[in-house]
Protein backbone atom coordinates (compact mmCIF):
# COMPACT_ATOMS: atom_id res chain seq x y z
CA UNK A 1 -37.56 -15.42 56.41
CA UNK A 2 -40.08 -12.78 56.66
CA UNK A 3 -41.17 -10.45 53.69
CA UNK A 4 -43.34 -7.43 53.58
CA UNK A 5 -44.85 -6.48 51.22
CA UNK A 6 -46.02 -3.29 52.48
CA UNK A 7 -42.95 -2.27 53.38
CA UNK A 8 -41.00 -4.17 50.60
CA UNK A 9 -38.44 -5.09 52.48
CA UNK A 10 -37.13 -8.96 54.14
CA UNK A 11 -35.57 -10.15 57.26
CA UNK A 12 -33.72 -13.02 58.03
CA UNK A 13 -34.17 -14.52 61.30
CA UNK A 14 -32.90 -17.61 63.63
CA UNK A 15 -35.10 -17.68 66.27
CA UNK A 16 -35.51 -14.65 67.89
CA UNK A 17 -32.10 -13.51 66.70
CA UNK A 18 -31.79 -11.24 63.14
CA UNK A 19 -29.20 -12.78 60.81
CA UNK A 20 -29.63 -9.80 58.15
CA UNK A 21 -32.57 -7.50 56.55
CA UNK A 22 -32.64 -6.27 53.07
CA UNK A 23 -34.51 -3.69 51.12
CA UNK A 24 -36.75 -6.07 48.60
CA UNK A 25 -38.69 -5.45 45.47
CA UNK A 26 -41.86 -8.04 44.97
CA UNK A 27 -44.75 -8.19 42.04
CA UNK A 28 -45.34 -5.22 39.61
CA UNK A 29 -49.18 -5.48 41.25
CA UNK A 30 -50.31 -2.14 40.23
CA UNK A 31 -49.76 -3.02 36.44
CA UNK A 32 -50.84 -6.23 36.45
CA UNK A 33 -52.31 -7.94 39.17
CA UNK A 34 -51.20 -11.40 38.31
CA UNK A 35 -47.70 -10.28 38.73
CA UNK A 36 -48.34 -9.83 42.70
CA UNK A 37 -45.78 -11.63 44.94
CA UNK A 38 -47.90 -14.71 46.26
CA UNK A 39 -48.48 -14.47 50.28
CA UNK A 40 -48.77 -16.90 52.57
CA UNK A 41 -45.86 -19.92 54.13
CA UNK A 42 -43.62 -21.45 51.78
CA UNK A 43 -40.29 -23.20 51.59
CA UNK A 44 -37.08 -22.78 49.52
CA UNK A 45 -37.34 -25.46 47.29
CA UNK A 46 -33.51 -25.33 45.54
CA UNK A 47 -30.86 -23.01 45.25
CA UNK A 48 -28.73 -22.47 42.23
CA UNK A 49 -26.32 -20.02 40.58
CA UNK A 50 -25.90 -18.35 37.16
CA UNK A 51 -29.08 -19.12 35.55
CA UNK A 52 -31.40 -18.20 33.09
CA UNK A 53 -34.82 -16.88 34.08
CA UNK A 54 -37.37 -17.50 30.94
CA UNK A 55 -40.65 -17.08 30.32
CA UNK A 56 -43.39 -15.00 28.77
CA UNK A 57 -47.46 -14.06 29.19
CA UNK A 58 -49.50 -11.71 27.81
CA UNK A 59 -46.94 -8.40 28.11
CA UNK A 60 -44.32 -10.37 26.10
CA UNK A 61 -41.42 -12.36 27.52
CA UNK A 62 -38.64 -12.17 29.39
CA UNK A 63 -34.56 -14.34 29.57
CA UNK A 64 -33.31 -12.75 32.33
CA UNK A 65 -29.54 -14.14 33.65
CA UNK A 66 -29.41 -13.93 37.59
CA UNK A 67 -26.69 -15.16 39.74
CA UNK A 68 -28.54 -16.26 42.36
CA UNK A 69 -31.71 -17.93 42.30
CA UNK A 70 -34.01 -19.67 45.50
CA UNK A 71 -37.72 -20.63 44.62
CA UNK A 72 -40.27 -20.89 47.23
CA UNK A 73 -43.58 -21.30 45.82
CA UNK A 74 -43.56 -24.44 43.71
CA UNK A 75 -40.77 -23.40 41.74
CA UNK A 76 -42.37 -20.47 40.35
CA UNK A 77 -41.53 -17.40 42.27
CA UNK A 78 -38.64 -16.86 44.16
CA UNK A 79 -35.64 -14.67 45.12
CA UNK A 80 -33.06 -13.78 42.82
CA UNK A 81 -30.73 -10.72 41.98
CA UNK A 82 -31.87 -8.03 39.46
CA UNK A 83 -28.92 -6.34 38.01
CA UNK A 84 -31.11 -4.79 35.26
CA UNK A 85 -33.66 -2.90 37.85
CA UNK A 86 -33.23 0.67 37.67
CA UNK A 87 -35.27 1.86 40.94
CA UNK A 88 -34.11 1.59 44.08
CA UNK A 89 -35.25 -1.43 46.24
CA UNK A 90 -37.49 -0.75 49.19
CA UNK A 91 -39.41 2.17 47.12
CA UNK A 92 -43.29 1.97 45.86
CA UNK A 93 -41.67 1.43 42.57
CA UNK A 94 -42.54 -2.31 42.21
CA UNK A 95 -46.15 -1.19 42.16
CA UNK A 96 -46.02 -0.37 38.18
CA UNK A 97 -41.97 -1.71 37.25
CA UNK A 98 -41.67 -4.71 39.56
CA UNK A 99 -41.00 -8.37 39.43
CA UNK A 100 -43.71 -11.06 37.64
CA UNK A 101 -44.27 -11.85 41.41
CA UNK A 102 -40.22 -12.96 42.62
CA UNK A 103 -38.70 -11.27 45.21
CA UNK A 104 -35.66 -9.16 43.75
CA UNK A 105 -33.00 -8.59 45.63
CA UNK A 106 -29.76 -6.68 45.94
CA UNK A 107 -26.45 -8.74 44.53
CA UNK A 108 -24.74 -8.10 47.83
CA UNK A 109 -27.95 -9.16 49.99
CA UNK A 110 -28.79 -12.26 48.28
CA UNK A 111 -24.93 -13.22 48.21
CA UNK A 112 -25.39 -13.13 51.58
CA UNK A 113 -28.77 -15.14 52.35
CA UNK A 114 -27.26 -17.82 49.75
CA UNK A 115 -24.74 -18.84 52.41
CA UNK A 116 -27.10 -18.85 55.06
CA UNK A 117 -30.16 -20.76 54.07
CA UNK A 118 -30.77 -24.36 52.27
CA UNK A 119 -33.64 -26.00 51.08
CA UNK A 120 -36.65 -25.97 52.99
CA UNK A 121 -35.78 -23.25 54.92
CA UNK A 122 -39.18 -21.11 55.48
CA UNK A 123 -40.38 -17.91 54.12
CA UNK A 124 -43.09 -16.01 55.04
CA UNK A 125 -44.45 -13.65 52.80
CA UNK A 126 -47.30 -10.90 53.94
């Protein structure tokens, strides 16, 4: 999988074949540089359905239910749905209102991705 922060887009490929692509929302780097989605090459570390993402930082706390959770950066950052997101995926709204570093996806897109990938699948973020 390849995620472009600049394009706010994800491409899932098998070799040179495109399997699916989707607009995404990455980290709110314009709001807080600590929220930037990490760049590099990673691997999906686990896959979980119907879970709570709980955390806190200097801006406050969160406890968000997600239908799909696929972490790739030491388990702290990953792909998930974001039913609470109010601006369109794939837009520059991520700069001020994006994630805490995760990659938000529309529910139908992440449901498709969840069926296609497995633990260990390579993820490249640029």
